[in-house]
Amino acid sequence: MLDVVVQAESAPQPGTDVGGSIRFRAGGSAANTARAFAALGGRASLICVAGQDSLAGRLLASVRAAGVVVHAVRAKGRTPRLLALVDEQGERSFVTDRSVADQLPPDRLKMAWLARVDGLHIPAYSLLNGSLPQAARAAARAVHAAGGTVSVDLASQRPLLARGRGAALDAIRAVEPDLVLANTSEAAALTGLRPVRGSMALDERMLEAAPLAIIKQGLAGCRIVWRAHTGESALAIDVATRPIAAVDTTGAGDAFDAGFMYSLLASGHRHGSPLDGATLRRAALIGHRAAARVLTRPRAELVL
């Protein structure tokens, strides 16, 4: 996906213009996570749909240049693109044109792409529309059958809830994730609950989606929720991070996912493995470091 990142020097006004910056970057939630995973020293592959225009070729080459193996299915249509509007605090809002992104029929998914895979990461975007959800479910079944771990990031609250909370939860459960990752607004959207200090209600509700949940809390770090054994009460730990004054948070959550999964898989964790606080805390710290790398280093601009 092409990211068009816009930062205005002041609030836009109707009928006139303001100064600012407009940058083109290689994007896409899954691609961001794969690039960050490879940057940590892991071996990452990206399964995606690409348009048939020249821009798609540039984007795919950019992902490969980051050390990621790309398995792309070409579909008739233009390259997906996203407009990221970044405010003064570095927070972003998206306008998304997914175009061909959801057009991956299950019969175009090659099981050879999933051979020797330790972990499959699925942004929730891939579970919502078109034929892509069927392909995602087939991929998850194959990875689980080989003992691999499946993770789902809730990605964005509005697309997630387009058909209601029940449908969103069903879509997530359909891939039987070992863990779900979400920011606080996405967790609140899925559960219908707001985080309340000292309350475990949201934590317990998140575990209806997976046996392990990570709630990303921005400058406050993250919260990890899990059950040591089936039927037991939820356990939770908060892992702080060093606050960073970021000018653009786009992609930081994807990088956190990569760091968390990299550390968890490196620990030997597999589908159905028992969970322990020390391993999960270590994974969160690696996730924070991966996100900090994105927030503090210059972003490569795509030359069109």
Protein backbone atom coordinates (compact mmCIF):
# COMPACT_ATOMS: atom_id res chain seq x y z
CA MET A 1 0.00 0.00 0.00
CA LEU A 2 1.24 3.50 -0.77
CA ASP A 3 1.21 5.81 2.25
CA VAL A 4 0.77 9.52 1.52
CA VAL A 5 1.72 11.20 4.79
CA VAL A 6 0.52 14.78 5.24
CA GLN A 7 1.58 17.10 8.06
CA ALA A 8 0.23 20.67 7.99
CA GLU A 9 2.02 23.57 9.68
CA SER A 10 -1.34 24.84 10.90
CA ALA A 11 -4.96 23.78 10.73
CA PRO A 12 -6.23 23.72 7.10
CA GLN A 13 -8.76 26.42 6.26
CA PRO A 14 -11.55 26.15 3.64
CA GLY A 15 -10.84 27.89 0.36
CA THR A 16 -7.11 28.51 0.90
CA ASP A 17 -3.89 26.64 1.59
CA VAL A 18 -1.38 26.16 4.40
CA GLY A 19 2.22 25.01 4.33
CA GLY A 20 3.31 21.56 5.38
CA SER A 21 4.98 18.37 4.20
CA ILE A 22 3.67 15.62 1.94
CA ARG A 23 5.72 12.42 1.80
CA PHE A 24 5.31 9.13 -0.05
CA ARG A 25 6.25 5.97 1.83
CA ALA A 26 5.87 2.23 1.40
CA GLY A 27 3.08 1.22 3.77
CA GLY A 28 0.51 -1.44 4.53
CA SER A 29 0.07 -2.83 8.04
CA ALA A 30 1.32 -6.34 7.24
CA ALA A 31 4.23 -4.98 5.19
CA ASN A 32 5.21 -2.61 8.02
CA THR A 33 5.29 -5.51 10.47
CA ALA A 34 7.31 -7.70 8.10
CA ARG A 35 9.88 -4.96 7.52
CA ALA A 36 10.27 -4.33 11.25
CA PHE A 37 10.59 -8.07 11.94
CA ALA A 38 13.36 -8.36 9.34
CA ALA A 39 15.12 -5.31 10.81
CA LEU A 40 15.34 -7.18 14.13
CA GLY A 41 17.14 -10.06 12.42
CA GLY A 42 14.14 -12.31 11.82
CA ARG A 43 13.16 -13.99 8.58
CA ALA A 44 9.93 -12.49 7.32
CA SER A 45 7.66 -13.12 4.36
CA LEU A 46 4.77 -11.00 3.12
CA ILE A 47 1.72 -12.51 1.42
CA CYS A 48 -0.22 -9.78 -0.32
CA VAL A 49 -2.25 -8.64 -3.32
CA ALA A 50 -0.73 -6.04 -5.62
CA GLY A 51 -2.20 -4.02 -8.44
CA GLN A 52 -0.99 -4.28 -12.02
CA ASP A 53 0.33 -0.73 -12.26
CA SER A 54 3.96 0.39 -12.11
CA LEU A 55 3.54 1.74 -8.58
CA ALA A 56 2.92 -1.80 -7.30
CA GLY A 57 6.29 -2.87 -8.66
CA ARG A 58 8.03 0.00 -6.85
CA LEU A 59 6.33 -0.89 -3.56
CA LEU A 60 7.13 -4.60 -3.84
CA ALA A 61 10.77 -3.78 -4.63
CA SER A 62 10.90 -1.56 -1.54
CA VAL A 63 9.65 -4.39 0.69
CA ARG A 64 12.17 -6.82 -0.80
CA ALA A 65 14.96 -4.29 -0.27
CA ALA A 66 14.11 -4.39 3.45
CA GLY A 67 14.98 -8.10 3.52
CA VAL A 68 11.45 -9.46 3.28
CA VAL A 69 10.49 -12.35 1.00
CA VAL A 70 7.43 -11.28 -0.99
CA HIS A 71 4.68 -13.57 -2.27
CA ALA A 72 2.45 -11.24 -4.29
CA VAL A 73 -0.70 -12.13 -6.18
CA ARG A 74 -1.35 -9.58 -8.94
CA ALA A 75 -4.93 -8.44 -9.41
CA LYS A 76 -6.47 -6.21 -12.05
CA GLY A 77 -6.73 -2.74 -10.60
CA ARG A 78 -4.66 0.00 -9.08
CA THR A 79 -2.33 -0.08 -6.13
CA PRO A 80 -4.03 0.41 -2.73
CA ARG A 81 -3.23 3.73 -1.11
CA LEU A 82 -3.70 5.49 2.20
CA LEU A 83 -3.70 9.15 3.19
CA ALA A 84 -2.27 9.63 6.71
CA LEU A 85 -3.12 13.00 8.27
CA VAL A 86 -0.68 13.61 11.13
CA ASP A 87 -1.49 16.22 13.79
CA GLU A 88 0.76 18.32 16.05
CA GLN A 89 1.02 15.49 18.62
CA GLY A 90 2.09 12.96 15.99
CA GLU A 91 -1.26 11.15 16.07
CA ARG A 92 -2.55 10.03 12.70
CA SER A 93 -5.93 9.69 11.02
CA PHE A 94 -6.38 7.64 7.86
CA VAL A 95 -8.33 7.89 4.64
CA THR A 96 -7.97 4.50 2.97
CA ASP A 97 -8.51 3.25 -0.58
CA ARG A 98 -7.94 -0.52 -0.33
CA SER A 99 -8.60 -1.14 -4.04
CA VAL A 100 -7.33 -4.70 -4.83
CA ALA A 101 -5.98 -5.38 -1.31
CA ASP A 102 -8.81 -7.77 -0.34
CA GLN A 103 -8.81 -9.77 -3.58
CA LEU A 104 -6.86 -12.87 -2.56
CA PRO A 105 -8.89 -16.02 -3.31
CA PRO A 106 -7.97 -19.06 -1.19
CA ASP A 107 -7.01 -21.02 -4.30
CA ARG A 108 -4.28 -18.46 -5.03
CA LEU A 109 -2.71 -19.06 -1.62
CA LYS A 110 0.17 -21.52 -1.96
CA MET A 111 0.83 -23.75 1.02
CA ALA A 112 4.53 -23.72 0.11
CA TRP A 113 4.57 -20.07 1.20
CA LEU A 114 3.71 -21.23 4.72
CA ALA A 115 6.26 -24.04 5.01
CA ARG A 116 8.45 -23.82 8.14
CA VAL A 117 6.55 -20.75 9.39
CA ASP A 118 6.79 -20.23 13.16
CA GLY A 119 4.29 -17.38 13.31
CA LEU A 120 1.55 -15.92 11.11
CA HIS A 121 0.58 -12.30 11.74
CA ILE A 122 -2.79 -11.08 10.43
CA PRO A 123 -3.98 -7.46 10.59
CA ALA A 124 -7.74 -7.40 11.20
CA TYR A 125 -8.12 -5.63 7.84
CA SER A 126 -7.46 -9.06 6.32
CA LEU A 127 -10.46 -10.60 8.11
CA LEU A 128 -13.19 -8.21 7.04
CA ASN A 129 -13.84 -7.94 3.30
CA GLY A 130 -13.57 -9.68 -0.04
CA SER A 131 -12.02 -13.13 -0.47
CA LEU A 132 -9.03 -12.31 1.74
CA PRO A 133 -10.67 -13.57 4.98
CA GLN A 134 -11.04 -17.05 3.47
CA ALA A 135 -7.38 -17.06 2.51
CA ALA A 136 -6.42 -15.83 5.99
CA ARG A 137 -8.39 -18.64 7.62
CA ALA A 138 -6.75 -21.24 5.36
CA ALA A 139 -3.31 -19.84 6.20
CA ALA A 140 -4.06 -19.89 9.93
CA ARG A 141 -5.20 -23.52 9.79
CA ALA A 142 -2.00 -24.52 7.98
CA VAL A 143 0.26 -22.70 10.43
CA HIS A 144 -1.55 -24.09 13.48
CA ALA A 145 -1.36 -27.61 12.05
CA ALA A 146 2.43 -27.24 11.93
CA GLY A 147 2.56 -25.93 15.51
CA GLY A 148 2.98 -22.27 14.58
CA THR A 149 1.53 -19.25 16.36
CA VAL A 150 -1.18 -16.98 14.90
CA SER A 151 -1.47 -13.35 15.97
CA VAL A 152 -4.10 -10.76 15.05
CA ASP A 153 -3.81 -6.98 15.37
CA LEU A 154 -7.18 -5.25 15.61
CA ALA A 155 -5.77 -2.55 13.28
CA SER A 156 -8.50 0.13 13.27
CA GLN A 157 -11.71 0.46 15.22
CA ARG A 158 -14.03 1.82 12.52
CA PRO A 159 -13.44 -0.92 9.89
CA LEU A 160 -13.42 -3.50 12.68
CA LEU A 161 -16.90 -2.51 13.87
CA ALA A 162 -18.46 -1.87 10.45
CA ARG A 163 -20.74 -4.90 10.92
CA GLY A 164 -20.96 -4.73 14.71
CA ARG A 165 -18.99 -6.12 17.66
CA GLY A 166 -20.40 -9.63 17.32
CA ALA A 167 -19.33 -9.93 13.70
CA ALA A 168 -15.90 -8.51 14.52
CA LEU A 169 -15.38 -11.01 17.31
CA ASP A 170 -16.54 -13.86 15.08
CA ALA A 171 -14.09 -12.80 12.34
CA ILE A 172 -11.21 -12.81 14.81
CA ARG A 173 -12.16 -16.11 16.42
CA ALA A 174 -12.41 -17.73 12.99
CA VAL A 175 -8.60 -17.82 12.74
CA GLU A 176 -8.28 -19.04 16.37
CA PRO A 177 -5.51 -16.58 17.26
CA ASP A 178 -3.01 -17.38 19.98
CA LEU A 179 -2.78 -13.67 20.75
CA VAL A 180 -4.47 -10.42 19.83
CA LEU A 181 -2.87 -6.98 19.87
CA ALA A 182 -4.77 -3.70 20.06
CA ASN A 183 -4.42 -0.12 21.17
CA THR A 184 -6.72 1.13 23.91
CA SER A 185 -9.35 2.55 21.55
CA GLU A 186 -9.47 -0.69 19.51
CA ALA A 187 -9.75 -2.80 22.68
CA ALA A 188 -12.58 -0.58 23.92
CA ALA A 189 -14.31 -0.80 20.55
CA LEU A 190 -14.17 -4.60 20.45
CA THR A 191 -15.28 -5.12 24.06
CA GLY A 192 -17.69 -2.20 24.43
CA LEU A 193 -15.85 -1.28 27.65
CA ARG A 194 -13.56 1.59 28.58
CA PRO A 195 -10.33 0.91 30.49
CA VAL A 196 -10.92 1.60 34.18
CA ARG A 197 -7.99 1.67 36.59
CA GLY A 198 -8.18 -1.29 38.97
CA SER A 199 -10.88 -3.06 36.93
CA MET A 200 -10.25 -6.34 35.07
CA ALA A 201 -13.52 -6.22 33.10
CA LEU A 202 -11.94 -5.15 29.80
CA ASP A 203 -9.05 -7.57 30.33
CA GLU A 204 -11.41 -10.50 30.80
CA ARG A 205 -13.45 -9.50 27.76
CA MET A 206 -10.34 -9.30 25.56
CA LEU A 207 -9.58 -12.92 26.43
CA GLU A 208 -12.79 -13.90 24.67
CA ALA A 209 -10.86 -13.29 21.44
CA ALA A 210 -7.62 -15.11 22.31
CA PRO A 211 -5.84 -16.62 25.34
CA LEU A 212 -3.31 -13.75 25.28
CA ALA A 213 -4.02 -10.06 24.70
CA ILE A 214 -1.65 -7.11 24.46
CA ILE A 215 -3.15 -3.65 24.84
CA LYS A 216 -0.84 -0.92 23.54
CA GLN A 217 -1.12 2.25 25.61
CA GLY A 218 1.10 4.71 23.76
CA LEU A 219 3.37 6.72 26.07
CA ALA A 220 2.26 4.57 29.03
CA GLY A 221 3.64 1.35 27.50
CA CYS A 222 1.39 -1.69 27.28
CA ARG A 223 -0.73 -4.09 29.29
CA ILE A 224 -0.43 -7.87 28.88
CA VAL A 225 -3.37 -10.09 29.81
CA TRP A 226 -3.46 -13.89 29.81
CA ARG A 227 -4.62 -17.00 31.63
CA ALA A 228 -1.98 -19.36 32.97
CA HIS A 229 -4.47 -22.24 32.79
CA THR A 230 -7.88 -22.70 31.18
CA GLY A 231 -10.68 -21.49 33.42
CA GLU A 232 -8.46 -19.52 35.78
CA SER A 233 -8.82 -15.81 36.39
CA ALA A 234 -6.96 -13.45 34.10
CA LEU A 235 -3.44 -12.37 34.93
CA ALA A 236 -2.21 -8.93 33.91
CA ILE A 237 1.02 -6.98 33.97
CA ASP A 238 1.80 -3.45 32.82
CA VAL A 239 5.10 -2.84 31.04
CA ALA A 240 6.24 0.77 30.91
CA THR A 241 8.25 2.37 28.14
CA ARG A 242 10.39 5.48 27.74
CA PRO A 243 8.14 8.34 26.60
CA ILE A 244 9.06 9.71 23.17
CA ALA A 245 7.92 13.03 21.71
CA ALA A 246 7.06 11.62 18.28
CA VAL A 247 6.22 13.79 15.28
CA ASP A 248 4.65 10.86 13.39
CA THR A 249 3.33 7.66 14.99
CA THR A 250 2.39 5.98 11.70
CA GLY A 251 3.63 2.37 11.70
CA ALA A 252 4.79 2.35 15.34
CA GLY A 253 2.08 -0.12 16.38
CA ASP A 254 3.03 -2.46 13.54
CA ALA A 255 6.67 -2.31 14.66
CA PHE A 256 5.63 -3.12 18.24
CA ASP A 257 3.83 -6.21 16.93
CA ALA A 258 6.99 -7.28 15.11
CA GLY A 259 9.15 -6.87 18.20
CA PHE A 260 6.71 -8.72 20.44
CA MET A 261 6.37 -11.63 18.02
CA TYR A 262 10.13 -11.76 17.36
CA SER A 263 10.90 -12.11 21.06
CA LEU A 264 8.04 -14.55 21.73
CA LEU A 265 9.03 -16.85 18.86
CA ALA A 266 12.72 -16.61 19.76
CA SER A 267 11.81 -17.87 23.25
CA GLY A 268 10.60 -21.11 21.64
CA HIS A 269 6.91 -20.34 22.06
CA ARG A 270 4.66 -22.44 19.85
CA HIS A 271 0.92 -22.90 19.40
CA GLY A 272 -0.49 -24.07 22.74
CA SER A 273 2.68 -23.38 24.74
CA PRO A 274 2.17 -22.31 28.37
CA LEU A 275 2.56 -18.59 29.06
CA ASP A 276 4.68 -17.00 31.76
CA GLY A 277 5.05 -13.40 32.84
CA ALA A 278 8.82 -13.14 32.39
CA THR A 279 8.70 -14.22 28.74
CA LEU A 280 5.80 -11.90 28.00
CA ARG A 281 7.45 -8.94 29.74
CA ARG A 282 10.61 -9.49 27.71
CA ALA A 283 8.56 -9.60 24.51
CA ALA A 284 6.86 -6.32 25.42
CA LEU A 285 10.22 -4.62 26.00
CA ILE A 286 11.46 -5.75 22.57
CA GLY A 287 8.19 -4.49 21.12
CA HIS A 288 8.72 -1.09 22.73
CA ARG A 289 12.26 -0.90 21.34
CA ALA A 290 11.09 -1.77 17.83
CA ALA A 291 8.42 0.93 18.00
CA ALA A 292 10.96 3.46 19.34
CA ARG A 293 13.20 2.72 16.37
CA VAL A 294 10.40 3.70 14.00
CA LEU A 295 9.56 6.82 16.02
CA THR A 296 13.11 8.14 16.34
CA ARG A 297 14.80 7.29 13.05
CA PRO A 298 14.35 9.05 9.69
CA ARG A 299 11.71 7.40 7.48
CA ALA A 300 12.72 6.35 3.99
CA GLU A 301 10.73 8.20 1.36
CA LEU A 302 9.52 6.38 -1.74
CA VAL A 303 10.72 8.05 -4.91
CA LEU A 304 7.94 7.95 -7.51
